[in-house]
Amino acid sequence: MKAKVMKDRLRQRLCERKFELDLIERLFRRSRSENQKNDHAGAAIKHQEPTISNTVKEYNKLCADIASLIRNKKAPAGAVAPSPIPAKDIFQLDVNDAIWQDMGLDEDTAPAAWLVDDKVQAGIHAMLQKDHCNEEAPRLKQECRHLQIWFATEWEAVSETMKIAQGAGTVQYQLQLKREELLELCVLWKKLLDSLTYDGDLLPWGPTQEEILDCQISGVMASYGNGQDSDEEGNSDDDERAGSDDEEEGGGTSCCMY
């Protein structure tokens, strides 16, 4: 019971220290006077480390005493010795650290399901991943919103400039190339982002549906043409190799005739 109480107290102190340090890190980039206060608070938290380290030593000594009692058969039947806590990296509070394992301290001697059951561990990882995705979704939607606003602005700027620059051949040609480049970018981004839903009004991309469809068709035709060119090159290489083989065979036959 003493070991259980001591471990609960140690766990609470470690969690408090962890949360206090996290708060200081978030406040690190404030004004100079506030940073000085944070430095004092950080120093005060650091002063707790020797106390925590001593508690770890005391707990590990208790674990050794319990293990000794079990070996000497002076403990109740079925007693399990609790695992000692490694002093190294004790302040990291990793999820797999011994500080979270209460084997031998509770009446229930069976290990926790999250510790030994693969399905429970997989479920925990899946839940954490789901929570992470839920946290990231609003930020990604905001980024996609900014991306679409940027593209609509660029498309409008190029379109208006083309109207103004009518008659200027070189400039008009460069603007047309820029417009085609933006159109290809729009086709790619729309394909990836159309599945997302947005809250509130959002500017349209800019190109018409007909322009987007024409760009998609031209892209398919270009890829098809590249494939045909590759096949033709491969066939021509095969023909060249076959021709060279025939010449070698012919040369060998003529030599035999002579």
Protein backbone atom coordinates (compact mmCIF):
# COMPACT_ATOMS: atom_id res chain seq x y z
CA MET A 1 0.00 0.00 0.00
CA LYS A 2 2.85 2.38 0.80
CA ALA A 3 4.40 1.74 -2.61
CA LYS A 4 1.04 2.41 -4.30
CA VAL A 5 0.61 5.73 -2.46
CA MET A 6 4.17 6.76 -3.22
CA LYS A 7 3.82 5.95 -6.91
CA ASP A 8 0.54 7.89 -7.18
CA ARG A 9 2.21 10.89 -5.55
CA LEU A 10 5.21 10.61 -7.88
CA ARG A 11 2.96 10.37 -10.93
CA GLN A 12 1.02 13.45 -9.84
CA ARG A 13 4.20 15.48 -9.33
CA LEU A 14 5.56 14.49 -12.72
CA CYS A 15 2.32 15.45 -14.45
CA GLU A 16 2.21 18.81 -12.66
CA ARG A 17 5.81 19.51 -13.64
CA LYS A 18 5.11 18.54 -17.25
CA PHE A 19 2.07 20.82 -17.53
CA GLU A 20 3.87 23.72 -15.88
CA LEU A 21 6.80 23.46 -18.29
CA ASP A 22 4.44 23.27 -21.27
CA LEU A 23 2.77 26.48 -20.10
CA ILE A 24 6.13 28.24 -19.84
CA GLU A 25 7.09 27.13 -23.34
CA ARG A 26 3.86 28.59 -24.73
CA LEU A 27 4.55 31.88 -22.98
CA PHE A 28 8.20 31.98 -24.03
CA ARG A 29 7.79 34.51 -26.85
CA ARG A 30 6.24 37.29 -24.81
CA SER A 31 7.74 40.57 -23.62
CA ARG A 32 11.06 40.74 -21.78
CA SER A 33 9.56 41.42 -18.35
CA GLU A 34 7.14 38.53 -18.74
CA ASN A 35 10.00 36.30 -19.89
CA GLN A 36 11.88 37.16 -16.69
CA LYS A 37 8.87 36.02 -14.68
CA ASN A 38 8.78 32.84 -16.73
CA ASP A 39 12.48 32.27 -16.02
CA HIS A 40 11.82 32.53 -12.28
CA ALA A 41 8.90 30.14 -12.59
CA GLY A 42 11.02 27.71 -14.61
CA ALA A 43 13.76 27.83 -11.99
CA ALA A 44 11.20 27.10 -9.27
CA ILE A 45 9.96 24.09 -11.23
CA LYS A 46 13.53 22.86 -11.70
CA HIS A 47 13.94 22.92 -7.93
CA GLN A 48 11.36 20.12 -7.74
CA GLU A 49 13.57 17.71 -9.66
CA PRO A 50 15.73 16.59 -6.68
CA THR A 51 12.58 15.86 -4.67
CA ILE A 52 11.14 13.79 -7.51
CA SER A 53 14.43 11.94 -7.99
CA ASN A 54 14.57 11.09 -4.28
CA THR A 55 10.99 9.82 -4.44
CA VAL A 56 11.96 7.57 -7.36
CA LYS A 57 14.85 6.14 -5.30
CA GLU A 58 12.58 5.50 -2.34
CA TYR A 59 9.99 3.81 -4.54
CA ASN A 60 12.58 1.60 -6.22
CA LYS A 61 13.90 0.60 -2.77
CA LEU A 62 10.37 -0.41 -1.77
CA CYS A 63 10.06 -2.47 -4.97
CA ALA A 64 13.32 -4.25 -4.14
CA ASP A 65 12.10 -4.93 -0.60
CA ILE A 66 8.81 -6.36 -1.90
CA ALA A 67 10.69 -8.58 -4.40
CA SER A 68 12.91 -9.79 -1.55
CA LEU A 69 9.88 -10.67 0.59
CA ILE A 70 8.37 -12.62 -2.31
CA ARG A 71 11.63 -14.54 -2.88
CA ASN A 72 11.83 -15.39 0.83
CA LYS A 73 8.17 -16.51 0.78
CA LYS A 74 7.20 -13.91 3.36
CA ALA A 75 4.59 -12.25 1.10
CA PRO A 76 0.98 -13.37 0.52
CA ALA A 77 0.48 -16.15 -1.99
CA GLY A 78 0.23 -14.89 -5.58
CA ALA A 79 1.85 -11.53 -4.79
CA VAL A 80 3.58 -9.82 -7.72
CA ALA A 81 6.51 -7.48 -7.27
CA PRO A 82 5.94 -4.03 -8.83
CA SER A 83 8.33 -2.90 -11.52
CA PRO A 84 10.97 -0.34 -10.51
CA ILE A 85 10.99 3.02 -12.30
CA PRO A 86 14.14 3.82 -14.31
CA ALA A 87 15.54 7.15 -13.16
CA LYS A 88 16.74 7.96 -16.69
CA ASP A 89 14.29 10.04 -18.74
CA ILE A 90 11.77 9.99 -15.86
CA PHE A 91 10.69 13.54 -16.71
CA GLN A 92 9.76 12.73 -20.32
CA LEU A 93 6.50 10.97 -19.31
CA ASP A 94 6.46 8.75 -22.38
CA VAL A 95 3.32 6.66 -22.85
CA ASN A 96 5.27 3.40 -22.39
CA ASP A 97 7.15 4.47 -19.25
CA ALA A 98 6.99 2.29 -16.14
CA ILE A 99 5.40 5.18 -14.22
CA TRP A 100 2.03 4.27 -15.78
CA GLN A 101 2.22 0.54 -15.00
CA ASP A 102 0.68 -0.55 -11.69
CA MET A 103 1.45 -4.24 -11.86
CA GLY A 104 1.77 -5.57 -8.31
CA LEU A 105 0.23 -2.47 -6.72
CA ASP A 106 -3.46 -3.17 -7.35
CA GLU A 107 -5.54 -6.07 -6.17
CA ASP A 108 -6.04 -7.04 -9.79
CA THR A 109 -2.79 -8.77 -10.74
CA ALA A 110 -3.72 -9.14 -14.42
CA PRO A 111 -1.89 -6.66 -16.67
CA ALA A 112 -3.87 -3.81 -18.16
CA ALA A 113 -5.45 -4.49 -21.55
CA TRP A 114 -3.75 -1.46 -23.13
CA LEU A 115 -0.41 -2.97 -22.13
CA VAL A 116 -0.76 -6.54 -23.46
CA ASP A 117 -3.73 -6.65 -25.85
CA ASP A 118 -2.72 -5.91 -29.46
CA LYS A 119 -6.30 -5.08 -30.45
CA VAL A 120 -6.65 -2.54 -27.63
CA GLN A 121 -3.33 -0.96 -28.59
CA ALA A 122 -4.40 -0.78 -32.24
CA GLY A 123 -7.69 0.79 -31.17
CA ILE A 124 -5.86 3.41 -29.10
CA HIS A 125 -3.61 4.29 -32.03
CA ALA A 126 -6.63 4.50 -34.34
CA MET A 127 -8.49 6.77 -31.91
CA LEU A 128 -5.46 9.04 -31.52
CA GLN A 129 -5.08 9.22 -35.30
CA LYS A 130 -8.78 10.06 -35.66
CA ASP A 131 -8.48 12.82 -33.05
CA HIS A 132 -5.43 14.16 -34.84
CA CYS A 133 -7.30 14.21 -38.15
CA ASN A 134 -10.22 16.03 -36.53
CA GLU A 135 -7.79 18.63 -35.20
CA GLU A 136 -6.09 19.06 -38.57
CA ALA A 137 -9.27 19.22 -40.68
CA PRO A 138 -10.20 22.88 -39.86
CA ARG A 139 -6.66 24.05 -40.54
CA LEU A 140 -6.48 22.20 -43.85
CA LYS A 141 -9.85 23.61 -44.90
CA GLN A 142 -8.61 27.09 -44.11
CA GLU A 143 -5.43 26.50 -46.13
CA CYS A 144 -7.48 25.21 -49.09
CA ARG A 145 -9.72 28.25 -48.81
CA HIS A 146 -6.72 30.58 -49.01
CA LEU A 147 -5.36 28.56 -51.95
CA GLN A 148 -8.59 28.95 -53.92
CA ILE A 149 -8.78 32.67 -53.14
CA TRP A 150 -5.18 33.10 -54.32
CA PHE A 151 -5.86 31.22 -57.56
CA ALA A 152 -9.03 33.19 -58.31
CA THR A 153 -7.10 36.43 -57.79
CA GLU A 154 -4.25 35.30 -60.06
CA TRP A 155 -6.65 34.15 -62.77
CA GLU A 156 -8.54 37.43 -62.74
CA ALA A 157 -5.30 39.43 -62.85
CA VAL A 158 -4.00 37.51 -65.88
CA SER A 159 -7.36 37.71 -67.67
CA GLU A 160 -7.67 41.47 -67.14
CA THR A 161 -4.06 42.04 -68.20
CA MET A 162 -4.69 40.10 -71.43
CA LYS A 163 -7.60 42.40 -72.22
CA ILE A 164 -5.45 45.47 -71.65
CA ALA A 165 -2.47 44.08 -73.60
CA GLN A 166 -4.41 43.24 -76.76
CA GLY A 167 -2.27 43.92 -79.81
CA ALA A 168 1.04 43.50 -78.00
CA GLY A 169 2.16 40.21 -79.55
CA THR A 170 5.05 39.23 -77.27
CA VAL A 171 3.31 40.24 -74.05
CA GLN A 172 0.07 38.59 -75.15
CA TYR A 173 1.91 35.35 -75.87
CA GLN A 174 3.57 35.31 -72.45
CA LEU A 175 0.25 36.01 -70.76
CA GLN A 176 -1.36 33.19 -72.73
CA LEU A 177 1.35 30.80 -71.53
CA LYS A 178 0.74 31.95 -67.95
CA ARG A 179 -2.99 31.43 -68.38
CA GLU A 180 -2.46 27.88 -69.68
CA GLU A 181 -0.14 27.15 -66.77
CA LEU A 182 -2.77 28.37 -64.29
CA LEU A 183 -5.45 26.34 -66.03
CA GLU A 184 -3.41 23.13 -65.69
CA LEU A 185 -2.87 23.97 -62.02
CA CYS A 186 -6.60 24.51 -61.55
CA VAL A 187 -7.40 21.10 -63.06
CA LEU A 188 -4.96 19.42 -60.69
CA TRP A 189 -6.09 21.25 -57.56
CA LYS A 190 -9.81 20.87 -58.27
CA LYS A 191 -9.38 17.13 -58.64
CA LEU A 192 -7.75 16.95 -55.21
CA LEU A 193 -9.88 19.48 -53.34
CA ASP A 194 -13.42 19.13 -54.71
CA SER A 195 -14.25 16.54 -52.04
CA LEU A 196 -13.81 19.13 -49.28
CA THR A 197 -16.72 21.21 -48.03
CA TYR A 198 -16.37 24.81 -46.90
CA ASP A 199 -18.40 26.96 -44.56
CA GLY A 200 -19.59 30.25 -46.00
CA ASP A 201 -19.23 31.78 -49.44
CA LEU A 202 -16.11 31.14 -51.47
CA LEU A 203 -14.87 32.74 -54.68
CA PRO A 204 -15.12 30.49 -57.77
CA TRP A 205 -11.88 29.22 -59.22
CA GLY A 206 -12.18 31.45 -62.30
CA PRO A 207 -11.94 29.24 -65.39
CA THR A 208 -15.17 28.13 -66.99
CA GLN A 209 -16.21 24.50 -66.98
CA GLU A 210 -15.60 24.34 -70.72
CA GLU A 211 -12.02 25.59 -70.32
CA ILE A 212 -11.37 23.05 -67.59
CA LEU A 213 -12.82 20.22 -69.70
CA ASP A 214 -10.70 21.23 -72.73
CA CYS A 215 -7.58 21.26 -70.54
CA GLN A 216 -8.40 17.80 -69.19
CA ILE A 217 -8.92 16.43 -72.71
CA SER A 218 -5.69 17.96 -73.99
CA GLY A 219 -3.83 16.47 -71.02
CA VAL A 220 -5.22 13.01 -71.76
CA MET A 221 -4.36 13.33 -75.45
CA ALA A 222 -0.84 14.50 -74.61
CA SER A 223 -0.24 11.54 -72.31
CA TYR A 224 -1.67 9.18 -74.95
CA GLY A 225 0.61 10.70 -77.58
CA ASN A 226 3.64 10.30 -75.34
CA GLY A 227 2.73 6.65 -74.85
CA GLN A 228 2.49 6.09 -78.60
CA ASP A 229 5.83 7.81 -79.16
CA SER A 230 7.42 5.54 -76.57
CA ASP A 231 5.96 2.46 -78.28
CA GLU A 232 7.19 3.62 -81.68
CA GLU A 233 10.67 4.28 -80.32
CA GLY A 234 10.68 0.82 -78.75
CA ASN A 235 9.58 -0.78 -82.04
CA SER A 236 12.21 1.11 -84.02
CA ASP A 237 14.90 -0.02 -81.59
CA ASP A 238 13.72 -3.62 -81.97
CA ASP A 239 13.81 -3.27 -85.78
CA GLU A 240 17.33 -1.87 -85.65
CA ARG A 241 18.51 -4.72 -83.43
CA ALA A 242 16.83 -7.27 -85.73
CA GLY A 243 18.46 -5.68 -88.79
CA SER A 244 21.90 -5.78 -87.20
CA ASP A 245 21.40 -9.45 -86.29
CA ASP A 246 20.46 -10.23 -89.91
CA GLU A 247 23.55 -8.45 -91.19
CA GLU A 248 25.77 -10.43 -88.84
CA GLU A 249 24.19 -13.71 -89.96
CA GLY A 250 24.54 -12.71 -93.61
CA GLY A 251 28.18 -11.86 -93.10
CA GLY A 252 28.84 -15.22 -91.51
CA THR A 253 27.21 -17.08 -94.43
CA SER A 254 29.26 -15.26 -97.05
CA CYS A 255 32.43 -16.14 -95.24
CA CYS A 256 31.49 -19.80 -95.25
CA MET A 257 30.80 -19.70 -98.98
CA TYR A 258 34.24 -18.46 -99.66
